Amino acid sequence: MTCEHGLLGPVWWRLGRAGRHSLIEALDNPNTRAAYDQRQAVREREQQKAHRELMDSLACIDCGDVPEQESTWVYSGHKWTRRPHGRCRPCHRERKERLEREAEEQSVLVSRCRSAARSGGWSGTARAK
């Protein structure tokens, strides 16, 4: 039988434990091997959950590839680390090459337009009818 009021009620606080406890619970020593194993299992589950959430956040935004572990690559003297909500190394490389090609094509197009405008082969203005 437990009392809800008085000294036997949940009015005791114990350092390292959440909430209020009855006198018997407050004086109970949780430092047994079973209690330690239970606390350790909870810590390990929390660490695994945090790791799983991190790895899910590292999924490539282009191809959806999820790495098996956190990874850092060293290439051409540079260090590249997979970032949350970023790209995997192959997609990163492909995107970089595509952007470089597009920039080169854009600069070629601009230089052609400028040379055509200078040579008079392109008027650049349209007449209104």
C-alpha atoms as a PDB file:
ATOM      1  CA  MET A   1       0.000   0.000   0.000  1.00  0.00           C
ATOM      2  CA  THR A   2       1.389   3.365  -0.977  1.00  0.00           C
ATOM      3  CA  CYS A   3       0.530   6.676   0.561  1.00  0.00           C
ATOM      4  CA  GLU A   4       0.014   9.666  -1.656  1.00  0.00           C
ATOM      5  CA  HIS A   5       0.479  12.206   1.124  1.00  0.00           C
ATOM      6  CA  GLY A   6       2.963  12.730   3.905  1.00  0.00           C
ATOM      7  CA  LEU A   7       6.479  11.421   4.248  1.00  0.00           C
ATOM      8  CA  LEU A   8       5.714   8.198   2.406  1.00  0.00           C
ATOM      9  CA  GLY A   9       4.218  10.015  -0.598  1.00  0.00           C
ATOM     10  CA  PRO A  10       6.181  11.164  -3.658  1.00  0.00           C
ATOM     11  CA  VAL A  11       7.786  14.176  -1.974  1.00  0.00           C
ATOM     12  CA  TRP A  12      11.441  13.166  -2.134  1.00  0.00           C
ATOM     13  CA  TRP A  13      13.940  14.300  -4.734  1.00  0.00           C
ATOM     14  CA  ARG A  14      17.054  12.360  -5.603  1.00  0.00           C
ATOM     15  CA  LEU A  15      20.020  13.697  -7.508  1.00  0.00           C
ATOM     16  CA  GLY A  16      20.302  12.134 -10.948  1.00  0.00           C
ATOM     17  CA  ARG A  17      16.701  10.942 -11.046  1.00  0.00           C
ATOM     18  CA  ALA A  18      13.766  12.655 -12.656  1.00  0.00           C
ATOM     19  CA  GLY A  19      10.654  13.579 -10.712  1.00  0.00           C
ATOM     20  CA  ARG A  20       9.616  13.013  -7.132  1.00  0.00           C
ATOM     21  CA  HIS A  21       9.776   9.671  -5.337  1.00  0.00           C
ATOM     22  CA  SER A  22       8.446   8.024  -2.230  1.00  0.00           C
ATOM     23  CA  LEU A  23      10.923   7.482   0.597  1.00  0.00           C
ATOM     24  CA  ILE A  24      11.433   3.823  -0.319  1.00  0.00           C
ATOM     25  CA  GLU A  25      12.086   4.675  -4.002  1.00  0.00           C
ATOM     26  CA  ALA A  26      14.364   7.575  -3.065  1.00  0.00           C
ATOM     27  CA  LEU A  27      16.485   5.374  -0.795  1.00  0.00           C
ATOM     28  CA  ASP A  28      16.645   2.508  -3.276  1.00  0.00           C
ATOM     29  CA  ASN A  29      20.121   2.129  -4.753  1.00  0.00           C
ATOM     30  CA  PRO A  30      19.918   1.781  -8.551  1.00  0.00           C
ATOM     31  CA  ASN A  31      23.611   0.975  -8.855  1.00  0.00           C
ATOM     32  CA  THR A  32      23.178  -2.697  -9.647  1.00  0.00           C
ATOM     33  CA  ARG A  33      24.511  -4.455 -12.720  1.00  0.00           C
ATOM     34  CA  ALA A  34      20.995  -4.883 -14.134  1.00  0.00           C
ATOM     35  CA  ALA A  35      20.253  -1.161 -13.748  1.00  0.00           C
ATOM     36  CA  TYR A  36      23.584  -0.278 -15.359  1.00  0.00           C
ATOM     37  CA  ASP A  37      22.903  -2.640 -18.281  1.00  0.00           C
ATOM     38  CA  GLN A  38      19.467  -1.107 -18.739  1.00  0.00           C
ATOM     39  CA  ARG A  39      20.870   2.460 -18.747  1.00  0.00           C
ATOM     40  CA  GLN A  40      23.619   1.384 -21.160  1.00  0.00           C
ATOM     41  CA  ALA A  41      21.084  -0.200 -23.517  1.00  0.00           C
ATOM     42  CA  VAL A  42      19.072   3.032 -23.531  1.00  0.00           C
ATOM     43  CA  ARG A  43      22.232   5.067 -24.284  1.00  0.00           C
ATOM     44  CA  GLU A  44      23.191   2.716 -27.132  1.00  0.00           C
ATOM     45  CA  ARG A  45      19.684   2.911 -28.649  1.00  0.00           C
ATOM     46  CA  GLU A  46      19.824   6.718 -28.512  1.00  0.00           C
ATOM     47  CA  GLN A  47      23.263   6.739 -30.159  1.00  0.00           C
ATOM     48  CA  GLN A  48      22.099   4.348 -32.891  1.00  0.00           C
ATOM     49  CA  LYS A  49      19.010   6.486 -33.503  1.00  0.00           C
ATOM     50  CA  ALA A  50      21.119   9.659 -33.753  1.00  0.00           C
ATOM     51  CA  HIS A  51      23.551   7.908 -36.107  1.00  0.00           C
ATOM     52  CA  ARG A  52      20.700   6.593 -38.262  1.00  0.00           C
ATOM     53  CA  GLU A  53      19.188  10.098 -38.470  1.00  0.00           C
ATOM     54  CA  LEU A  54      22.578  11.527 -39.449  1.00  0.00           C
ATOM     55  CA  MET A  55      23.087   8.915 -42.149  1.00  0.00           C
ATOM     56  CA  ASP A  56      19.558   9.519 -43.480  1.00  0.00           C
ATOM     57  CA  SER A  57      20.330  13.236 -43.667  1.00  0.00           C
ATOM     58  CA  LEU A  58      23.446  12.397 -45.703  1.00  0.00           C
ATOM     59  CA  ALA A  59      21.359  10.912 -48.518  1.00  0.00           C
ATOM     60  CA  CYS A  60      22.376  12.405 -51.850  1.00  0.00           C
ATOM     61  CA  ILE A  61      19.855  14.986 -53.085  1.00  0.00           C
ATOM     62  CA  ASP A  62      20.457  13.936 -56.699  1.00  0.00           C
ATOM     63  CA  CYS A  63      20.561  10.119 -56.707  1.00  0.00           C
ATOM     64  CA  GLY A  64      19.222   9.344 -53.200  1.00  0.00           C
ATOM     65  CA  ASP A  65      22.223   7.167 -52.290  1.00  0.00           C
ATOM     66  CA  VAL A  66      22.569   6.723 -48.516  1.00  0.00           C
ATOM     67  CA  PRO A  67      26.122   6.051 -47.319  1.00  0.00           C
ATOM     68  CA  GLU A  68      26.881   3.139 -45.025  1.00  0.00           C
ATOM     69  CA  GLN A  69      29.179   5.292 -42.907  1.00  0.00           C
ATOM     70  CA  GLU A  70      30.298   8.875 -42.616  1.00  0.00           C
ATOM     71  CA  SER A  71      32.878   9.457 -45.284  1.00  0.00           C
ATOM     72  CA  THR A  72      35.604  11.866 -46.204  1.00  0.00           C
ATOM     73  CA  TRP A  73      37.528  11.647 -49.449  1.00  0.00           C
ATOM     74  CA  VAL A  74      40.847  13.184 -50.273  1.00  0.00           C
ATOM     75  CA  TYR A  75      41.290  14.002 -53.943  1.00  0.00           C
ATOM     76  CA  SER A  76      43.850  16.200 -55.698  1.00  0.00           C
ATOM     77  CA  GLY A  77      45.125  17.399 -52.351  1.00  0.00           C
ATOM     78  CA  HIS A  78      41.651  18.578 -51.295  1.00  0.00           C
ATOM     79  CA  LYS A  79      39.462  17.073 -48.602  1.00  0.00           C
ATOM     80  CA  TRP A  80      35.798  16.519 -49.417  1.00  0.00           C
ATOM     81  CA  THR A  81      33.263  15.528 -46.767  1.00  0.00           C
ATOM     82  CA  ARG A  82      29.705  14.500 -47.426  1.00  0.00           C
ATOM     83  CA  ARG A  83      27.427  17.102 -45.873  1.00  0.00           C
ATOM     84  CA  PRO A  84      23.806  16.738 -44.722  1.00  0.00           C
ATOM     85  CA  HIS A  85      21.360  17.367 -47.572  1.00  0.00           C
ATOM     86  CA  GLY A  86      24.285  17.469 -50.007  1.00  0.00           C
ATOM     87  CA  ARG A  87      25.553  15.320 -52.851  1.00  0.00           C
ATOM     88  CA  CYS A  88      27.573  12.141 -52.979  1.00  0.00           C
ATOM     89  CA  ARG A  89      31.036  12.420 -54.536  1.00  0.00           C
ATOM     90  CA  PRO A  90      30.064  11.113 -58.032  1.00  0.00           C
ATOM     91  CA  CYS A  91      27.023  13.431 -58.236  1.00  0.00           C
ATOM     92  CA  HIS A  92      29.125  16.317 -56.896  1.00  0.00           C
ATOM     93  CA  ARG A  93      31.728  15.689 -59.607  1.00  0.00           C
ATOM     94  CA  GLU A  94      29.097  15.349 -62.371  1.00  0.00           C
ATOM     95  CA  ARG A  95      27.373  18.564 -61.289  1.00  0.00           C
ATOM     96  CA  LYS A  96      30.648  20.456 -61.151  1.00  0.00           C
ATOM     97  CA  GLU A  97      31.597  19.252 -64.661  1.00  0.00           C
ATOM     98  CA  ARG A  98      28.119  20.113 -66.002  1.00  0.00           C
ATOM     99  CA  LEU A  99      28.273  23.628 -64.518  1.00  0.00           C
ATOM    100  CA  GLU A 100      31.744  24.149 -65.994  1.00  0.00           C
ATOM    101  CA  ARG A 101      30.486  23.001 -69.444  1.00  0.00           C
ATOM    102  CA  GLU A 102      27.451  25.281 -69.220  1.00  0.00           C
ATOM    103  CA  ALA A 103      29.632  28.239 -68.194  1.00  0.00           C
ATOM    104  CA  GLU A 104      31.979  27.562 -71.120  1.00  0.00           C
ATOM    105  CA  GLU A 105      29.054  27.256 -73.555  1.00  0.00           C
ATOM    106  CA  GLN A 106      27.600  30.492 -72.172  1.00  0.00           C
ATOM    107  CA  SER A 107      30.904  32.344 -72.610  1.00  0.00           C
ATOM    108  CA  VAL A 108      31.223  31.042 -76.207  1.00  0.00           C
ATOM    109  CA  LEU A 109      27.673  32.210 -76.945  1.00  0.00           C
ATOM    110  CA  VAL A 110      28.346  35.644 -75.451  1.00  0.00           C
ATOM    111  CA  SER A 111      31.584  36.027 -77.430  1.00  0.00           C
ATOM    112  CA  ARG A 112      29.777  35.031 -80.669  1.00  0.00           C
ATOM    113  CA  CYS A 113      27.039  37.570 -80.007  1.00  0.00           C
ATOM    114  CA  ARG A 114      29.590  40.297 -79.291  1.00  0.00           C
ATOM    115  CA  SER A 115      31.613  39.526 -82.404  1.00  0.00           C
ATOM    116  CA  ALA A 116      28.450  39.437 -84.551  1.00  0.00           C
ATOM    117  CA  ALA A 117      27.318  42.777 -83.113  1.00  0.00           C
ATOM    118  CA  ARG A 118      30.747  44.336 -83.785  1.00  0.00           C
ATOM    119  CA  SER A 119      30.907  43.062 -87.372  1.00  0.00           C
ATOM    120  CA  GLY A 120      27.461  44.427 -88.201  1.00  0.00           C
ATOM    121  CA  GLY A 121      26.068  41.017 -89.058  1.00  0.00           C
ATOM    122  CA  TRP A 122      23.549  41.343 -86.286  1.00  0.00           C
ATOM    123  CA  SER A 123      21.609  44.518 -85.694  1.00  0.00           C
ATOM    124  CA  GLY A 124      20.455  43.809 -82.161  1.00  0.00           C
ATOM    125  CA  THR A 125      17.264  45.889 -82.578  1.00  0.00           C
ATOM    126  CA  ALA A 126      13.950  44.973 -84.093  1.00  0.00           C
ATOM    127  CA  ARG A 127      11.816  47.430 -86.033  1.00  0.00           C
ATOM    128  CA  ALA A 128       8.312  48.031 -84.814  1.00  0.00           C
ATOM    129  CA  LYS A 129       5.614  47.674 -87.477  1.00  0.00           C
END
